[in-house]
Amino acid sequence: MADLDFFFDPGCPWAWVTSRWVTEVSTLRNYDVAWKFISLSMINTDKGYKPGDDYHKMIHTFGLQALRVASAARADAGNDAVAKFYTDTLSQCTEDLYTLRSVIARVNESTDISSSEAITTLTGISLLHGPGG
């Protein structure tokens, strides 16, 4: 049983910032983190989007698609693979807007997420090593 259940949507910048703190604390305190999924798109479905709000549509679509990949990573390689995927995918996105758009496009267009190898091909991230490694 994990010491902490951390719920995240890959499109949420606040979840990303908090996850960096959780990862650091889990290393320092030897906590086990269970990486759990939450979809801001589904939570906010009834609210809709303001006219011209392409940003939230893009981020929510990215979040849903990235959760598909994270779920496949968990099914194929376990909880550590989810942490690895989330850390390494979003680490790429913090570099600049072009990289963010590139990662979003690759994830949104994904069709084959059947194995760690397929996810590695899609994202350029090997799920066989720990987060950031």
Protein backbone atom coordinates (compact mmCIF):
# COMPACT_ATOMS: atom_id res chain seq x y z
CA MET A 1 0.00 0.00 0.00
CA ALA A 2 1.32 3.42 -0.96
CA ASP A 3 2.08 6.12 1.57
CA LEU A 4 0.51 8.72 -0.74
CA ASP A 5 -2.06 8.60 -3.54
CA PHE A 6 -1.24 11.42 -5.96
CA PHE A 7 -3.98 12.28 -8.45
CA PHE A 8 -2.94 14.14 -11.59
CA ASP A 9 -4.10 15.33 -14.98
CA PRO A 10 -1.09 15.70 -17.29
CA GLY A 11 -2.51 18.95 -18.65
CA CYS A 12 -2.69 20.67 -15.25
CA PRO A 13 0.28 22.93 -14.47
CA TRP A 14 -0.55 22.94 -10.74
CA ALA A 15 -0.50 19.14 -10.61
CA TRP A 16 2.87 19.24 -12.38
CA VAL A 17 4.40 21.65 -9.86
CA THR A 18 2.98 19.67 -6.93
CA SER A 19 4.26 16.41 -8.43
CA ARG A 20 7.81 17.76 -8.41
CA TRP A 21 7.48 18.43 -4.68
CA VAL A 22 5.89 15.00 -4.08
CA THR A 23 8.70 13.31 -6.00
CA GLU A 24 11.36 15.16 -4.00
CA VAL A 25 9.72 14.44 -0.64
CA SER A 26 9.14 10.79 -1.55
CA THR A 27 12.86 10.43 -2.22
CA LEU A 28 13.91 12.23 0.97
CA ARG A 29 11.41 10.43 3.23
CA ASN A 30 11.33 7.09 1.40
CA TYR A 31 7.59 7.39 0.72
CA ASP A 32 5.87 5.18 -1.80
CA VAL A 33 3.64 7.17 -4.19
CA ALA A 34 0.72 5.67 -6.09
CA TRP A 35 0.23 7.73 -9.27
CA LYS A 36 -3.53 8.02 -9.85
CA PHE A 37 -5.47 9.52 -12.72
CA ILE A 38 -7.99 12.36 -12.76
CA SER A 39 -9.43 14.10 -15.80
CA LEU A 40 -10.07 17.82 -15.60
CA SER A 41 -11.87 17.55 -18.93
CA MET A 42 -14.41 15.14 -17.46
CA ILE A 43 -14.73 17.06 -14.20
CA ASN A 44 -15.39 20.31 -16.09
CA THR A 45 -17.57 18.85 -18.87
CA ASP A 46 -20.74 20.54 -17.66
CA LYS A 47 -19.05 23.97 -17.63
CA GLY A 48 -18.12 23.97 -21.31
CA TYR A 49 -15.64 26.39 -22.86
CA LYS A 50 -15.84 30.11 -23.41
CA PRO A 51 -15.98 31.13 -27.07
CA GLY A 52 -12.45 31.16 -28.48
CA ASP A 53 -10.99 29.23 -25.54
CA ASP A 54 -8.76 26.97 -27.62
CA TYR A 55 -6.14 26.74 -24.86
CA HIS A 56 -8.29 24.73 -22.44
CA LYS A 57 -9.63 22.53 -25.24
CA MET A 58 -6.06 21.73 -26.31
CA ILE A 59 -4.82 21.08 -22.76
CA HIS A 60 -7.85 18.96 -21.85
CA THR A 61 -7.49 16.88 -25.02
CA PHE A 62 -3.80 16.45 -24.26
CA GLY A 63 -4.63 15.43 -20.67
CA LEU A 64 -7.12 12.78 -21.81
CA GLN A 65 -4.77 11.35 -24.42
CA ALA A 66 -1.79 11.42 -22.06
CA LEU A 67 -3.86 9.56 -19.47
CA ARG A 68 -4.50 6.88 -22.10
CA VAL A 69 -0.76 6.50 -22.53
CA ALA A 70 -0.17 6.57 -18.76
CA SER A 71 -2.82 3.87 -18.31
CA ALA A 72 -1.15 1.71 -20.95
CA ALA A 73 2.20 2.29 -19.25
CA ARG A 74 0.72 1.12 -15.93
CA ALA A 75 -0.83 -1.96 -17.54
CA ASP A 76 2.45 -2.89 -19.21
CA ALA A 77 5.06 -1.90 -16.63
CA GLY A 78 3.35 -0.83 -13.37
CA ASN A 79 3.15 2.27 -11.19
CA ASP A 80 6.81 3.23 -11.67
CA ALA A 81 6.20 3.45 -15.43
CA VAL A 82 3.40 5.98 -14.80
CA ALA A 83 5.79 8.13 -12.75
CA LYS A 84 8.45 7.79 -15.45
CA PHE A 85 6.05 8.71 -18.26
CA TYR A 86 4.59 11.70 -16.37
CA THR A 87 7.96 13.04 -15.22
CA ASP A 88 9.79 12.66 -18.51
CA THR A 89 6.93 13.74 -20.78
CA LEU A 90 6.17 16.89 -18.81
CA SER A 91 9.86 17.65 -18.27
CA GLN A 92 10.14 17.94 -22.05
CA CYS A 93 7.18 20.33 -22.09
CA THR A 94 8.64 22.78 -19.60
CA GLU A 95 11.46 23.67 -21.99
CA ASP A 96 9.49 25.86 -24.38
CA LEU A 97 6.12 26.24 -26.11
CA TYR A 98 7.33 24.53 -29.30
CA THR A 99 8.35 21.41 -27.36
CA LEU A 100 5.02 21.43 -25.51
CA ARG A 101 3.12 21.56 -28.81
CA SER A 102 5.30 18.79 -30.23
CA VAL A 103 4.69 16.49 -27.25
CA ILE A 104 0.95 17.27 -27.27
CA ALA A 105 0.76 16.48 -31.00
CA ARG A 106 2.59 13.14 -30.59
CA VAL A 107 0.38 12.06 -27.70
CA ASN A 108 -2.87 13.29 -29.29
CA GLU A 109 -2.11 11.37 -32.50
CA SER A 110 -1.12 8.17 -30.70
CA THR A 111 -2.76 4.96 -31.79
CA ASP A 112 -0.38 2.21 -30.68
CA ILE A 113 0.12 2.25 -26.92
CA SER A 114 0.06 -1.50 -26.52
CA SER A 115 3.48 -1.91 -24.88
CA SER A 116 6.42 -0.14 -23.28
CA GLU A 117 8.19 -0.30 -26.64
CA ALA A 118 5.27 1.39 -28.42
CA ILE A 119 5.17 4.12 -25.76
CA THR A 120 8.93 4.59 -26.07
CA THR A 121 8.52 5.01 -29.83
CA LEU A 122 5.69 7.50 -29.32
CA THR A 123 7.29 9.65 -26.64
CA GLY A 124 10.99 8.94 -26.90
CA ILE A 125 10.87 7.87 -23.25
CA SER A 126 11.97 4.46 -22.05
CA LEU A 127 9.68 3.27 -19.27
CA LEU A 128 12.19 0.74 -18.03
CA HIS A 129 14.06 3.20 -15.77
CA GLY A 130 12.92 5.34 -12.83
CA PRO A 131 11.57 8.91 -13.20
CA GLY A 132 14.05 11.24 -14.82
CA GLY A 133 16.55 8.42 -15.38
